[in-house]
């Protein structure tokens, strides 16, 4: 028998955790991020939620795969050694493990995200 599961994310994103983007090096401004985790797989291999960040610039190195769907705001992601990529509401994108680059948030942005976490 196949069992179907369904999880609806709340329209009110809730409080979540607030602060500077964890593990990211701020290079300009004073960005403040807030994240709300909506789902974590039983085996910990997948998690998803909501994330927002105020204007500012930071450099990051990804150690896991992430899918994002921009809901609001505006930002530019620039891979190290690559061309800038402007992102706006409605854009979807994937950052693979090993990606390094800079995020510049021009207008407070919100996104839904899904992280795939490789088992150790």
N, C-alpha and C. Protein backbone atom coordinates (compact mmCIF):
# COMPACT_ATOMS: atom_id res chain seq x y z
N UNK A 1 0.83 -1.18 0.00
CA UNK A 1 0.00 0.00 0.00
C UNK A 1 0.88 1.24 0.00
N UNK A 2 0.55 2.20 -0.86
CA UNK A 2 1.29 3.46 -0.92
C UNK A 2 0.65 4.44 0.05
N UNK A 3 1.48 5.06 0.87
CA UNK A 3 1.00 6.05 1.82
C UNK A 3 1.39 7.43 1.31
N UNK A 4 0.45 8.36 1.22
CA UNK A 4 0.72 9.71 0.74
C UNK A 4 0.78 10.67 1.93
N UNK A 5 1.77 11.55 1.88
CA UNK A 5 1.95 12.55 2.93
C UNK A 5 1.88 13.93 2.30
N UNK A 6 1.35 14.88 3.02
CA UNK A 6 1.22 16.24 2.53
C UNK A 6 1.53 17.18 3.67
N UNK A 7 2.34 18.22 3.39
CA UNK A 7 2.66 19.22 4.40
C UNK A 7 2.49 20.59 3.78
N UNK A 8 1.63 21.39 4.34
CA UNK A 8 1.41 22.75 3.84
C UNK A 8 2.16 23.71 4.74
N UNK A 9 2.95 24.60 4.11
CA UNK A 9 3.67 25.61 4.88
C UNK A 9 2.69 26.70 5.31
N UNK A 10 2.81 27.20 6.51
CA UNK A 10 1.89 28.24 6.97
C UNK A 10 2.11 29.56 6.25
N UNK A 11 1.01 30.31 6.04
CA UNK A 11 1.12 31.63 5.41
C UNK A 11 1.86 32.58 6.35
N UNK A 12 1.62 32.46 7.65
CA UNK A 12 2.34 33.25 8.64
C UNK A 12 3.61 32.49 8.95
N UNK A 13 4.73 33.03 8.51
CA UNK A 13 6.00 32.30 8.60
C UNK A 13 6.51 32.14 10.03
N UNK A 14 5.98 32.85 10.99
CA UNK A 14 6.41 32.69 12.37
C UNK A 14 7.68 33.47 12.67
N UNK A 15 8.15 33.34 13.89
CA UNK A 15 9.32 34.11 14.33
C UNK A 15 10.63 33.59 13.76
N UNK A 16 10.92 32.32 13.96
CA UNK A 16 12.18 31.76 13.47
C UNK A 16 13.39 32.29 14.21
N UNK A 17 14.55 31.96 13.68
CA UNK A 17 15.82 32.39 14.25
C UNK A 17 16.30 33.63 13.49
N UNK A 18 16.77 34.64 14.22
CA UNK A 18 17.20 35.90 13.61
C UNK A 18 18.66 36.15 13.94
N UNK A 19 19.38 36.78 12.99
CA UNK A 19 20.76 37.16 13.22
C UNK A 19 21.48 37.33 11.91
N UNK A 20 22.80 37.53 11.99
CA UNK A 20 23.62 37.60 10.78
C UNK A 20 23.62 36.20 10.16
N UNK A 21 23.71 36.12 8.84
CA UNK A 21 23.72 34.81 8.19
C UNK A 21 24.82 33.91 8.77
N UNK A 22 24.43 32.79 9.34
CA UNK A 22 25.37 31.88 10.00
C UNK A 22 26.41 31.36 9.02
N UNK A 23 27.67 31.43 9.41
CA UNK A 23 28.76 30.89 8.60
C UNK A 23 29.12 31.75 7.41
N UNK A 24 28.48 32.89 7.28
CA UNK A 24 28.76 33.77 6.14
C UNK A 24 29.56 34.96 6.64
N UNK A 25 30.45 35.44 5.80
CA UNK A 25 31.30 36.58 6.16
C UNK A 25 30.70 37.84 5.56
N UNK A 26 30.20 38.74 6.42
CA UNK A 26 29.60 39.99 5.97
C UNK A 26 30.72 40.87 5.42
N UNK A 27 30.51 41.41 4.20
CA UNK A 27 31.51 42.27 3.57
C UNK A 27 31.04 43.71 3.39
N UNK A 28 29.74 43.97 3.53
CA UNK A 28 29.21 45.33 3.44
C UNK A 28 27.84 45.39 4.11
N UNK A 29 27.57 46.52 4.76
CA UNK A 29 26.27 46.71 5.39
C UNK A 29 26.14 45.90 6.66
N UNK A 30 24.89 45.73 7.07
CA UNK A 30 24.59 45.00 8.29
C UNK A 30 23.38 44.09 8.05
N UNK A 31 23.55 43.09 7.17
CA UNK A 31 22.40 42.23 6.87
C UNK A 31 21.98 41.42 8.09
N UNK A 32 20.66 41.31 8.25
CA UNK A 32 20.10 40.48 9.32
C UNK A 32 19.19 39.46 8.65
N UNK A 33 19.40 38.21 8.95
CA UNK A 33 18.63 37.12 8.35
C UNK A 33 17.68 36.52 9.38
N UNK A 34 16.57 35.97 8.86
CA UNK A 34 15.61 35.26 9.71
C UNK A 34 15.19 34.02 8.95
N UNK A 35 15.29 32.89 9.60
CA UNK A 35 14.92 31.63 8.96
C UNK A 35 13.92 30.86 9.80
N UNK A 36 13.01 30.18 9.10
CA UNK A 36 12.03 29.32 9.75
C UNK A 36 12.09 27.97 9.07
N UNK A 37 12.38 26.93 9.82
CA UNK A 37 12.42 25.58 9.27
C UNK A 37 11.00 25.00 9.33
N UNK A 38 10.50 24.58 8.16
CA UNK A 38 9.16 23.99 8.10
C UNK A 38 9.19 22.48 8.14
N UNK A 39 10.23 21.89 7.59
CA UNK A 39 10.24 20.44 7.42
C UNK A 39 11.65 19.91 7.54
N UNK A 40 11.80 18.80 8.24
CA UNK A 40 13.06 18.05 8.28
C UNK A 40 12.70 16.58 8.10
N UNK A 41 13.31 15.93 7.10
CA UNK A 41 13.07 14.51 6.88
C UNK A 41 13.48 13.71 8.10
N UNK A 42 12.82 12.60 8.33
CA UNK A 42 13.14 11.75 9.49
C UNK A 42 14.60 11.37 9.55
N UNK A 43 15.22 11.15 8.37
CA UNK A 43 16.63 10.75 8.35
C UNK A 43 17.58 11.95 8.28
N UNK A 44 17.03 13.17 8.30
CA UNK A 44 17.85 14.37 8.30
C UNK A 44 18.45 14.74 6.95
N UNK A 45 18.07 14.03 5.89
CA UNK A 45 18.69 14.25 4.58
C UNK A 45 18.10 15.42 3.80
N UNK A 46 16.98 15.95 4.27
CA UNK A 46 16.31 17.02 3.56
C UNK A 46 15.67 17.96 4.57
N UNK A 47 15.81 19.26 4.35
CA UNK A 47 15.11 20.22 5.18
C UNK A 47 14.66 21.38 4.31
N UNK A 48 13.56 22.00 4.70
CA UNK A 48 13.04 23.12 3.92
C UNK A 48 12.42 24.14 4.84
N UNK A 49 12.25 25.34 4.30
CA UNK A 49 11.66 26.40 5.09
C UNK A 49 11.63 27.71 4.36
N UNK A 50 11.58 28.77 5.14
CA UNK A 50 11.45 30.15 4.69
C UNK A 50 12.65 30.91 5.20
N UNK A 51 13.17 31.85 4.39
CA UNK A 51 14.34 32.64 4.80
C UNK A 51 14.17 34.05 4.27
N UNK A 52 14.52 35.03 5.08
CA UNK A 52 14.53 36.41 4.60
C UNK A 52 15.81 37.08 5.09
N UNK A 53 16.21 38.13 4.37
CA UNK A 53 17.43 38.85 4.74
C UNK A 53 17.29 40.31 4.34
N UNK A 54 17.75 41.20 5.22
CA UNK A 54 17.75 42.63 4.94
C UNK A 54 18.96 42.97 4.08
N UNK A 55 19.00 44.18 3.50
CA UNK A 55 20.10 44.55 2.60
C UNK A 55 21.48 44.43 3.25
N UNK A 56 22.43 44.04 2.42
CA UNK A 56 23.82 43.89 2.82
C UNK A 56 24.49 42.90 1.89
N UNK A 57 25.78 42.73 2.07
CA UNK A 57 26.57 41.84 1.21
C UNK A 57 27.36 40.88 2.08
N UNK A 58 27.42 39.60 1.64
CA UNK A 58 28.17 38.60 2.39
C UNK A 58 28.72 37.56 1.42
N UNK A 59 29.82 36.94 1.84
CA UNK A 59 30.45 35.88 1.07
C UNK A 59 30.14 34.56 1.76
N UNK A 60 29.94 33.51 0.96
CA UNK A 60 29.55 32.22 1.52
C UNK A 60 30.19 31.07 0.74
N UNK A 61 30.39 29.97 1.43
CA UNK A 61 30.76 28.70 0.81
C UNK A 61 29.71 27.69 1.21
N UNK A 62 29.10 27.04 0.21
CA UNK A 62 28.05 26.06 0.47
C UNK A 62 28.65 24.68 0.67
N UNK A 63 28.21 23.99 1.73
CA UNK A 63 28.66 22.62 1.96
C UNK A 63 27.54 21.62 1.68
N UNK A 64 26.39 22.14 1.17
CA UNK A 64 25.27 21.28 0.82
C UNK A 64 24.53 21.88 -0.37
N UNK A 65 23.71 21.08 -1.02
CA UNK A 65 22.91 21.47 -2.18
C UNK A 65 21.69 22.22 -1.69
N UNK A 66 21.32 23.34 -2.38
CA UNK A 66 20.14 24.11 -2.00
C UNK A 66 19.34 24.53 -3.23
N UNK A 67 18.02 24.32 -3.18
CA UNK A 67 17.10 24.86 -4.16
C UNK A 67 16.40 26.05 -3.50
N UNK A 68 16.26 27.15 -4.24
CA UNK A 68 15.59 28.34 -3.72
C UNK A 68 14.53 28.82 -4.69
N UNK A 69 13.46 29.39 -4.15
CA UNK A 69 12.45 30.07 -4.94
C UNK A 69 12.23 31.44 -4.30
N UNK A 70 12.61 32.50 -5.04
CA UNK A 70 12.49 33.87 -4.54
C UNK A 70 11.02 34.27 -4.48
N UNK A 71 10.61 34.83 -3.35
CA UNK A 71 9.24 35.28 -3.16
C UNK A 71 9.16 36.80 -3.33
N UNK A 72 10.11 37.50 -2.74
CA UNK A 72 10.09 38.96 -2.82
C UNK A 72 11.51 39.49 -2.68
N UNK A 73 11.67 40.78 -3.03
CA UNK A 73 12.95 41.44 -2.89
C UNK A 73 13.81 41.34 -4.14
N UNK A 74 15.08 41.68 -3.95
CA UNK A 74 16.01 41.68 -5.07
C UNK A 74 17.41 41.44 -4.53
N UNK A 75 18.17 40.56 -5.20
CA UNK A 75 19.55 40.31 -4.81
C UNK A 75 20.36 39.90 -6.03
N UNK A 76 21.67 39.97 -5.87
CA UNK A 76 22.60 39.54 -6.91
C UNK A 76 23.54 38.52 -6.29
N UNK A 77 23.64 37.36 -6.92
CA UNK A 77 24.58 36.33 -6.48
C UNK A 77 25.71 36.30 -7.51
N UNK A 78 26.95 36.38 -7.03
CA UNK A 78 28.11 36.38 -7.91
C UNK A 78 29.03 35.24 -7.51
N UNK A 79 29.11 34.18 -8.35
CA UNK A 79 30.05 33.10 -8.06
C UNK A 79 31.48 33.64 -8.09
N UNK A 80 32.35 33.15 -7.20
CA UNK A 80 33.76 33.56 -7.26
C UNK A 80 34.29 33.31 -8.66
N UNK A 81 34.85 34.35 -9.28
CA UNK A 81 35.41 34.21 -10.62
C UNK A 81 34.37 34.21 -11.73
N UNK A 82 33.10 34.43 -11.39
CA UNK A 82 32.02 34.37 -12.38
C UNK A 82 31.29 35.69 -12.52
N UNK A 83 30.29 35.69 -13.39
CA UNK A 83 29.49 36.88 -13.65
C UNK A 83 28.34 36.98 -12.64
N UNK A 84 27.93 38.21 -12.30
CA UNK A 84 26.80 38.41 -11.39
C UNK A 84 25.49 37.88 -11.99
N UNK A 85 24.63 37.34 -11.13
CA UNK A 85 23.32 36.83 -11.53
C UNK A 85 22.28 37.56 -10.70
N UNK A 86 21.44 38.36 -11.37
CA UNK A 86 20.40 39.11 -10.67
C UNK A 86 19.18 38.22 -10.46
N UNK A 87 18.64 38.26 -9.25
CA UNK A 87 17.49 37.43 -8.89
C UNK A 87 16.36 38.31 -8.39
N UNK A 88 15.14 37.97 -8.84
CA UNK A 88 13.94 38.73 -8.52
C UNK A 88 12.82 37.76 -8.14
N UNK A 89 11.71 38.28 -7.63
CA UNK A 89 10.58 37.41 -7.28
C UNK A 89 10.18 36.50 -8.44
N UNK A 90 9.93 35.24 -8.10
CA UNK A 90 9.55 34.24 -9.10
C UNK A 90 10.71 33.42 -9.60
N UNK A 91 11.94 33.90 -9.42
CA UNK A 91 13.12 33.15 -9.87
C UNK A 91 13.35 31.93 -8.98
N UNK A 92 13.72 30.83 -9.59
CA UNK A 92 14.13 29.63 -8.88
C UNK A 92 15.57 29.32 -9.28
N UNK A 93 16.35 28.75 -8.36
CA UNK A 93 17.74 28.44 -8.68
C UNK A 93 18.27 27.38 -7.73
N UNK A 94 19.36 26.77 -8.13
CA UNK A 94 20.04 25.75 -7.34
C UNK A 94 21.47 26.19 -7.11
N UNK A 95 21.94 26.04 -5.87
CA UNK A 95 23.35 26.22 -5.51
C UNK A 95 23.84 24.85 -5.08
N UNK A 96 24.88 24.37 -5.74
CA UNK A 96 25.40 23.04 -5.42
C UNK A 96 26.45 23.12 -4.33
N UNK A 97 26.64 22.01 -3.62
CA UNK A 97 27.69 21.92 -2.61
C UNK A 97 29.01 22.29 -3.28
N UNK A 98 29.79 23.13 -2.61
CA UNK A 98 31.06 23.59 -3.15
C UNK A 98 30.98 24.97 -3.77
N UNK A 99 29.75 25.49 -3.97
CA UNK A 99 29.60 26.85 -4.51
C UNK A 99 30.22 27.84 -3.53
N UNK A 100 31.00 28.78 -4.05
CA UNK A 100 31.50 29.90 -3.26
C UNK A 100 31.18 31.18 -4.02
N UNK A 101 30.77 32.19 -3.30
CA UNK A 101 30.45 33.44 -3.96
C UNK A 101 29.86 34.45 -3.00
N UNK A 102 29.39 35.54 -3.59
CA UNK A 102 28.87 36.67 -2.83
C UNK A 102 27.40 36.88 -3.10
N UNK A 103 26.65 37.13 -2.03
CA UNK A 103 25.25 37.54 -2.13
C UNK A 103 25.21 39.03 -1.79
N UNK A 104 24.58 39.82 -2.66
CA UNK A 104 24.34 41.22 -2.37
C UNK A 104 22.82 41.42 -2.38
N UNK A 105 22.26 41.66 -1.22
CA UNK A 105 20.82 41.86 -1.09
C UNK A 105 20.56 43.36 -1.22
N UNK A 106 19.88 43.76 -2.32
CA UNK A 106 19.58 45.17 -2.54
C UNK A 106 18.26 45.58 -1.88
N UNK A 107 17.27 44.70 -1.88
CA UNK A 107 15.98 44.95 -1.22
C UNK A 107 15.69 43.73 -0.35
N UNK A 108 15.19 43.94 0.86
CA UNK A 108 14.90 42.81 1.74
C UNK A 108 14.25 41.70 0.92
N UNK A 109 14.84 40.53 0.99
CA UNK A 109 14.37 39.40 0.17
C UNK A 109 13.81 38.29 1.04
N UNK A 110 12.89 37.55 0.45
CA UNK A 110 12.38 36.34 1.08
C UNK A 110 12.44 35.22 0.06
N UNK A 111 12.65 34.02 0.55
CA UNK A 111 12.70 32.85 -0.32
C UNK A 111 12.24 31.63 0.45
N UNK A 112 11.74 30.64 -0.27
CA UNK A 112 11.58 29.30 0.26
C UNK A 112 12.82 28.53 -0.16
N UNK A 113 13.26 27.62 0.67
CA UNK A 113 14.47 26.86 0.36
C UNK A 113 14.26 25.37 0.66
N UNK A 114 15.06 24.56 -0.01
CA UNK A 114 15.15 23.14 0.28
C UNK A 114 16.64 22.79 0.28
N UNK A 115 17.13 22.24 1.37
CA UNK A 115 18.51 21.76 1.47
C UNK A 115 18.52 20.25 1.39
N UNK A 116 19.42 19.71 0.57
CA UNK A 116 19.67 18.27 0.54
C UNK A 116 20.99 18.06 1.29
N UNK A 117 20.93 17.24 2.30
CA UNK A 117 22.09 17.01 3.15
C UNK A 117 22.57 15.59 2.94
N UNK A 118 23.82 15.46 2.47
CA UNK A 118 24.38 14.14 2.25
C UNK A 118 24.66 13.44 3.58
N UNK A 119 24.31 12.16 3.68
CA UNK A 119 24.61 11.43 4.91
C UNK A 119 26.11 11.29 5.10
N UNK A 120 26.52 11.33 6.33
CA UNK A 120 27.96 11.23 6.65
C UNK A 120 28.35 9.79 6.78
